[in-house]
Amino acid sequence: MFVSSIEEDDTAWMNIGGRDVKLSLVSVQGRIGKDGVDTRSTERYATGDITVVGRYIVTKVCAPEDENCESTSYSVTFVVTKGRQSQTVKAVGSCGC
């Protein structure tokens, strides 16, 4: 589970090793705002000896004329590093209402 909010102060939460860990945003490459299918962005979060890199690919956007659609869908690959251990997790998610 990974949760972040554009309304909060550059933090995210991820369940790592069975516990919820608060992460701080370190860097962003590319960015949400000019989203179209296949748009890519990367976000790096960290706390202590834990680093999480999320590589996002937009998979679905709302049609401009669809007033009821308020979300963007993503495919994401997370690389989680804790000390010398690393694990890759593939996920899907969305942003919006």
Protein backbone atom coordinates (compact mmCIF):
# COMPACT_ATOMS: atom_id res chain seq x y z
CA MET A 1 0.00 0.00 0.00
CA PHE A 2 1.29 3.44 -0.98
CA VAL A 3 -0.64 6.66 -0.27
CA SER A 4 0.27 10.25 -1.05
CA SER A 5 -1.76 13.43 -1.32
CA ILE A 6 -1.23 16.52 -3.44
CA GLU A 7 -2.96 18.45 -0.66
CA GLU A 8 -0.42 17.49 2.03
CA ASP A 9 3.15 18.63 2.61
CA ASP A 10 5.15 16.36 0.28
CA THR A 11 4.71 13.24 2.40
CA ALA A 12 3.61 9.72 1.59
CA TRP A 13 2.90 6.56 3.54
CA MET A 14 3.90 3.03 2.55
CA ASN A 15 3.58 -0.29 4.36
CA ILE A 16 7.14 -1.62 4.54
CA GLY A 17 8.01 -4.74 6.50
CA GLY A 18 4.53 -4.87 8.00
CA ARG A 19 4.44 -1.34 9.36
CA ASP A 20 3.24 1.98 7.97
CA VAL A 21 6.20 4.26 7.29
CA LYS A 22 5.96 8.03 6.74
CA LEU A 23 8.15 9.13 3.82
CA SER A 24 9.28 12.59 2.72
CA LEU A 25 9.44 13.64 -0.93
CA VAL A 26 13.06 14.08 -2.05
CA SER A 27 12.78 14.70 -5.79
CA VAL A 28 10.44 14.65 -8.79
CA GLN A 29 11.20 14.15 -12.48
CA GLY A 30 8.36 14.87 -14.88
CA ARG A 31 5.12 15.85 -13.25
CA ILE A 32 1.39 15.45 -13.18
CA GLY A 33 -0.31 18.36 -14.90
CA LYS A 34 0.32 17.62 -18.56
CA ASP A 35 -1.01 14.10 -18.27
CA GLY A 36 -1.77 12.07 -21.33
CA VAL A 37 -1.63 8.32 -21.80
CA ASP A 38 2.00 7.11 -21.60
CA THR A 39 3.16 10.27 -19.74
CA ARG A 40 5.93 9.24 -17.34
CA SER A 41 7.16 10.66 -14.05
CA THR A 42 9.43 9.56 -11.21
CA GLU A 43 9.15 10.45 -7.52
CA ARG A 44 11.77 9.66 -4.88
CA TYR A 45 10.82 9.47 -1.19
CA ALA A 46 13.00 8.69 1.83
CA THR A 47 13.21 8.36 5.59
CA GLY A 48 16.17 7.08 7.58
CA ASP A 49 17.76 4.19 5.66
CA ILE A 50 14.63 3.65 3.50
CA THR A 51 14.33 4.99 -0.06
CA VAL A 52 11.27 4.52 -2.29
CA VAL A 53 11.42 5.37 -5.99
CA GLY A 54 8.09 5.33 -7.86
CA ARG A 55 8.11 5.28 -11.67
CA TYR A 56 4.63 6.21 -12.91
CA ILE A 57 3.07 5.72 -16.34
CA VAL A 58 -0.35 7.23 -17.11
CA THR A 59 -2.68 4.50 -18.40
CA LYS A 60 -6.01 6.33 -18.62
CA VAL A 61 -7.19 9.95 -18.60
CA CYS A 62 -10.63 11.51 -18.66
CA ALA A 63 -12.08 12.62 -21.96
CA PRO A 64 -12.19 16.45 -22.05
CA GLU A 65 -15.97 16.43 -22.55
CA ASP A 66 -16.63 14.02 -19.63
CA GLU A 67 -17.68 16.30 -16.75
CA ASN A 68 -18.25 13.32 -14.42
CA CYS A 69 -14.72 11.93 -14.73
CA GLU A 70 -12.22 13.31 -12.23
CA SER A 71 -9.38 10.78 -12.09
CA THR A 72 -6.24 9.62 -13.85
CA SER A 73 -5.10 5.97 -13.76
CA TYR A 74 -1.48 4.86 -13.41
CA SER A 75 0.77 1.85 -13.64
CA VAL A 76 3.66 2.22 -11.22
CA THR A 77 6.84 0.38 -10.36
CA PHE A 78 8.17 0.99 -6.85
CA VAL A 79 11.77 0.18 -5.95
CA VAL A 80 12.03 0.03 -2.16
CA THR A 81 15.51 0.02 -0.63
CA LYS A 82 16.18 -0.47 3.08
CA GLY A 83 19.83 -0.58 3.98
CA ARG A 84 21.39 -3.08 1.55
CA GLN A 85 18.12 -4.83 0.67
CA SER A 86 15.97 -3.86 -2.30
CA GLN A 87 12.58 -5.02 -3.57
CA THR A 88 10.61 -4.08 -6.69
CA VAL A 89 6.81 -3.91 -6.50
CA LYS A 90 4.47 -3.33 -9.45
CA ALA A 91 1.12 -1.69 -8.75
CA VAL A 92 -1.78 0.22 -10.27
CA GLY A 93 -3.58 3.21 -8.83
CA SER A 94 -5.40 6.42 -9.49
CA CYS A 95 -5.36 10.09 -8.62
CA GLY A 96 -8.55 12.10 -8.26
CA CYS A 97 -12.04 11.78 -6.87
